[in-house]
Amino acid sequence: MSIEVTTGNAFEALGYTREEANLRAMRVYLAAEIRKHVQKNKLTQAEAAEFFGVTQPRISNVLNMKLDRFTIDFLVKMLSRTDRIPHLTFRAPAKVRRATAASRVAA
């Protein structure tokens, strides 16, 4: 059994296309922020469901990272109820950044 260590998107390392890997990673990030809110406020799943305006099974799925049935839009709407504003940062993948830096040093 070999273990591959990745410094990039774990979903890409699992074989997903870059686009699908990015979508999955974003959903995980948003769900983690929702989970932080629930834990910080010591909410039960029923209380969290009421707070976020969803059913208890839906909040259970989010908290347990069963995210295939959730869109990014839906998770952002849930997160917006916490009065937190998502912050987007765009960057080139690590391989591209290293290649660009290496070409600058060579020049």
Protein backbone atom coordinates (compact mmCIF):
# COMPACT_ATOMS: atom_id res chain seq x y z
CA MET A 1 0.00 0.00 0.00
CA SER A 2 1.46 3.35 -0.99
CA ILE A 3 0.46 6.70 0.42
CA GLU A 4 0.57 9.76 -1.78
CA VAL A 5 1.13 13.10 -0.09
CA THR A 6 -0.40 16.08 -1.84
CA THR A 7 0.16 19.76 -1.30
CA GLY A 8 -2.65 20.69 -3.65
CA ASN A 9 -6.32 19.78 -3.78
CA ALA A 10 -6.88 16.37 -2.18
CA PHE A 11 -9.82 15.71 -4.51
CA GLU A 12 -7.55 16.11 -7.54
CA ALA A 13 -5.20 13.57 -5.99
CA LEU A 14 -8.19 11.22 -5.70
CA GLY A 15 -8.71 11.43 -9.46
CA TYR A 16 -11.40 14.07 -9.85
CA THR A 17 -11.08 16.58 -12.66
CA ARG A 18 -9.69 19.96 -11.59
CA GLU A 19 -13.15 21.52 -11.95
CA GLU A 20 -14.91 18.86 -9.88
CA ALA A 21 -12.10 18.86 -7.31
CA ASN A 22 -12.43 22.62 -6.87
CA LEU A 23 -16.20 22.39 -6.44
CA ARG A 24 -15.87 19.61 -3.87
CA ALA A 25 -13.17 21.48 -1.95
CA MET A 26 -15.33 24.62 -1.84
CA ARG A 27 -18.31 22.66 -0.51
CA VAL A 28 -16.11 21.13 2.21
CA TYR A 29 -14.77 24.56 3.18
CA LEU A 30 -18.28 26.03 3.44
CA ALA A 31 -19.60 23.05 5.40
CA ALA A 32 -16.64 23.30 7.80
CA GLU A 33 -17.55 26.93 8.49
CA ILE A 34 -21.15 25.90 9.18
CA ARG A 35 -19.89 23.16 11.51
CA LYS A 36 -17.68 25.70 13.35
CA HIS A 37 -20.74 27.90 13.94
CA VAL A 38 -22.76 24.96 15.29
CA GLN A 39 -19.94 23.86 17.61
CA LYS A 40 -19.09 27.39 18.79
CA ASN A 41 -22.72 28.01 19.74
CA LYS A 42 -23.19 24.49 21.15
CA LEU A 43 -26.29 23.91 19.02
CA THR A 44 -28.02 20.56 18.80
CA GLN A 45 -28.79 19.36 15.29
CA ALA A 46 -32.43 20.31 15.82
CA GLU A 47 -31.46 23.82 16.98
CA ALA A 48 -29.00 24.18 14.11
CA ALA A 49 -31.63 23.05 11.61
CA GLU A 50 -34.06 25.68 12.92
CA PHE A 51 -31.35 28.37 12.88
CA PHE A 52 -30.32 27.58 9.29
CA GLY A 53 -33.88 27.03 8.07
CA VAL A 54 -33.37 23.43 6.99
CA THR A 55 -34.51 20.04 8.23
CA GLN A 56 -32.54 18.10 10.84
CA PRO A 57 -31.49 15.41 8.32
CA ARG A 58 -30.07 18.17 6.05
CA ILE A 59 -28.03 19.68 8.88
CA SER A 60 -26.86 16.18 9.84
CA ASN A 61 -25.58 15.67 6.28
CA VAL A 62 -23.73 18.99 6.34
CA LEU A 63 -22.16 18.31 9.73
CA ASN A 64 -21.09 14.83 8.62
CA MET A 65 -19.68 16.15 5.32
CA LYS A 66 -22.16 14.24 3.16
CA LEU A 67 -22.21 17.07 0.65
CA ASP A 68 -22.97 15.52 -2.74
CA ARG A 69 -26.58 16.77 -2.67
CA PHE A 70 -25.66 20.35 -1.73
CA THR A 71 -24.80 23.15 -4.09
CA ILE A 72 -22.30 25.85 -3.26
CA ASP A 73 -25.17 28.37 -3.51
CA PHE A 74 -27.18 26.50 -0.88
CA LEU A 75 -24.23 26.28 1.53
CA VAL A 76 -23.43 29.99 1.06
CA LYS A 77 -27.07 30.83 1.84
CA MET A 78 -26.87 28.73 4.99
CA LEU A 79 -23.59 30.34 6.01
CA SER A 80 -24.97 33.83 5.39
CA ARG A 81 -27.39 33.29 8.30
CA THR A 82 -24.35 33.42 10.60
CA ASP A 83 -23.63 37.00 9.47
CA ARG A 84 -20.24 35.87 8.18
CA ILE A 85 -19.12 37.01 4.76
CA PRO A 86 -17.26 34.48 2.60
CA HIS A 87 -13.93 35.77 1.30
CA LEU A 88 -12.67 34.45 -2.02
CA THR A 89 -9.00 34.27 -2.90
CA PHE A 90 -7.77 33.16 -6.29
CA ARG A 91 -4.29 31.79 -6.86
CA ALA A 92 -2.47 29.71 -9.42
CA PRO A 93 -1.95 26.02 -8.61
CA ALA A 94 1.32 25.27 -6.79
CA LYS A 95 2.93 23.65 -9.86
CA VAL A 96 2.27 26.74 -11.98
CA ARG A 97 3.59 29.09 -9.28
CA ARG A 98 6.81 27.07 -8.92
CA ALA A 99 7.35 26.96 -12.69
CA THR A 100 6.77 30.71 -12.99
CA ALA A 101 9.18 31.44 -10.12
CA ALA A 102 11.81 29.14 -11.63
CA SER A 103 11.53 30.86 -15.03
CA ARG A 104 12.02 34.26 -13.38
CA VAL A 105 15.15 33.06 -11.60
CA ALA A 106 16.52 31.58 -14.85
CA ALA A 107 15.93 34.87 -16.70
